[in-house]
Protein backbone atom coordinates (compact mmCIF):
# COMPACT_ATOMS: atom_id res chain seq x y z
CA UNK A 1 84.61 -121.53 -26.40
CA UNK A 2 84.66 -120.76 -22.60
CA UNK A 3 85.84 -123.54 -20.41
CA UNK A 4 83.92 -125.42 -18.09
CA UNK A 5 85.62 -124.45 -15.06
CA UNK A 6 89.20 -123.60 -13.57
CA UNK A 7 88.74 -125.59 -11.02
CA UNK A 8 87.97 -128.68 -12.39
CA UNK A 9 91.39 -129.11 -13.46
CA UNK A 10 94.91 -128.55 -11.74
CA UNK A 11 98.73 -129.21 -12.36
CA UNK A 12 101.02 -130.49 -9.59
CA UNK A 13 104.33 -128.32 -9.08
CA UNK A 14 105.94 -130.67 -10.93
CA UNK A 15 103.68 -130.81 -13.90
CA UNK A 16 103.74 -127.30 -13.79
CA UNK A 17 107.66 -126.88 -14.02
CA UNK A 18 107.58 -129.62 -17.17
CA UNK A 19 104.56 -127.13 -18.77
CA UNK A 20 107.21 -124.12 -18.20
CA UNK A 21 110.43 -126.74 -19.66
CA UNK A 22 107.90 -127.96 -22.65
CA UNK A 23 106.74 -124.20 -23.73
CA UNK A 24 110.11 -122.78 -23.63
CA UNK A 25 111.08 -125.93 -26.20
CA UNK A 26 108.12 -125.99 -27.97
CA UNK A 27 105.74 -122.27 -28.03
CA UNK A 28 102.26 -122.49 -26.71
CA UNK A 29 100.90 -125.56 -25.32
CA UNK A 30 97.45 -127.79 -25.08
CA UNK A 31 95.95 -131.00 -23.64
CA UNK A 32 94.14 -133.56 -24.63
CA UNK A 33 92.41 -136.27 -22.38
CA UNK A 34 90.55 -138.68 -24.47
CA UNK A 35 88.54 -141.84 -23.04
CA UNK A 36 90.44 -144.08 -25.73
CA UNK A 37 92.27 -147.43 -24.39
CA UNK A 38 95.80 -147.80 -24.04
CA UNK A 39 97.13 -144.30 -22.33
CA UNK A 40 93.43 -143.31 -21.63
CA UNK A 41 94.39 -141.87 -18.34
CA UNK A 42 97.09 -140.20 -19.33
CA UNK A 43 96.41 -136.04 -20.99
CA UNK A 44 98.40 -135.61 -24.41
CA UNK A 45 100.36 -132.96 -24.39
CA UNK A 46 101.04 -130.79 -27.56
CA UNK A 47 101.99 -127.46 -29.44
CA UNK A 48 98.73 -125.46 -29.02
CA UNK A 49 96.49 -126.21 -32.69
CA UNK A 50 98.63 -129.04 -33.24
CA UNK A 51 96.01 -131.67 -31.93
CA UNK A 52 92.42 -131.01 -33.81
CA UNK A 53 89.59 -130.19 -31.13
CA UNK A 54 85.73 -130.47 -32.69
CA UNK A 55 82.05 -131.19 -31.49
CA UNK A 56 83.09 -134.18 -29.91
CA UNK A 57 85.58 -132.12 -27.09
CA UNK A 58 84.64 -130.02 -24.08
CA UNK A 59 87.28 -126.90 -23.49
CA UNK A 60 87.61 -128.30 -19.64
CA UNK A 61 89.54 -125.34 -18.37
CA UNK A 62 91.96 -122.71 -19.77
CA UNK A 63 95.53 -123.27 -16.87
CA UNK A 64 97.18 -120.11 -16.04
CA UNK A 65 101.01 -121.50 -15.23
CA UNK A 66 103.54 -119.42 -13.85
CA UNK A 67 106.17 -118.86 -16.05
CA UNK A 68 103.89 -119.16 -19.11
CA UNK A 69 102.91 -115.87 -20.86
CA UNK A 70 99.33 -117.87 -22.24
CA UNK A 71 97.06 -119.69 -20.73
CA UNK A 72 97.03 -123.67 -21.57
CA UNK A 73 93.89 -124.95 -23.22
CA UNK A 74 93.04 -128.81 -21.15
CA UNK A 75 90.42 -130.35 -23.94
CA UNK A 76 88.53 -133.32 -23.19
CA UNK A 77 86.52 -135.79 -25.20
CA UNK A 78 82.50 -135.05 -24.76
CA UNK A 79 82.40 -139.22 -23.69
CA UNK A 80 85.01 -138.36 -21.15
CA UNK A 81 83.90 -135.14 -19.19
CA UNK A 82 80.64 -137.12 -18.84
CA UNK A 83 82.32 -139.64 -16.98
CA UNK A 84 84.32 -137.11 -15.20
CA UNK A 85 81.82 -134.61 -14.42
CA UNK A 86 82.25 -135.00 -10.80
CA UNK A 87 85.74 -135.09 -10.62
CA UNK A 88 88.69 -132.90 -10.49
CA UNK A 89 91.30 -133.65 -12.16
CA UNK A 90 94.95 -133.78 -11.25
CA UNK A 91 97.87 -133.31 -14.03
CA UNK A 92 100.81 -135.21 -12.35
CA UNK A 93 104.22 -136.30 -13.56
CA UNK A 94 105.46 -139.85 -13.17
CA UNK A 95 108.88 -141.05 -14.47
CA UNK A 96 108.44 -143.75 -17.86
CA UNK A 97 107.96 -142.75 -21.17
CA UNK A 98 104.10 -142.86 -21.98
CA UNK A 99 103.26 -144.19 -25.87
CA UNK A 100 102.11 -141.79 -27.72
CA UNK A 101 102.79 -138.32 -29.23
CA UNK A 102 102.77 -135.78 -26.06
CA UNK A 103 105.81 -133.60 -26.33
CA UNK A 104 107.09 -135.55 -22.94
CA UNK A 105 107.59 -138.61 -24.39
CA UNK A 106 112.09 -137.36 -25.03
CA UNK A 107 112.06 -136.81 -21.70
CA UNK A 108 112.24 -139.65 -19.91
CA UNK A 109 108.61 -139.02 -18.21
CA UNK A 110 104.58 -138.76 -18.96
CA UNK A 111 101.91 -136.93 -17.25
CA UNK A 112 99.39 -138.54 -15.97
CA UNK A 113 95.66 -138.01 -14.65
CA UNK A 114 95.37 -137.98 -10.71
CA UNK A 115 91.31 -137.79 -9.60
CA UNK A 116 89.56 -136.99 -6.96
CA UNK A 117 85.26 -136.95 -6.68
CA UNK A 118 84.06 -133.14 -6.44
CA UNK A 119 80.54 -132.46 -5.15
CA UNK A 120 78.01 -131.91 -7.75
């Protein structure tokens, strides 16, 4: 499956550094952004393939991160994609633990989505 568009998602420098650390510790990675409650604004980072995607998910981007050999797929639930279709997602890192099973939880930080509207 081809990504919707590389311009749809970007990583801050802090997020890219965390991705590099997580890649060294866990191997190839993936992100999934759900539209659920609780940490719905927090993308979850998993070992690539650990989170099962299907017809209700959209491959939004394959992120290229300096120092990471393979692209990091960024998936989003189809319902959330429809809401955020005209939004550029910016993956950032903030202090504090989120809830969930994202790989960065033991690091004392969590990924967070910041966003801005883009032209249609």
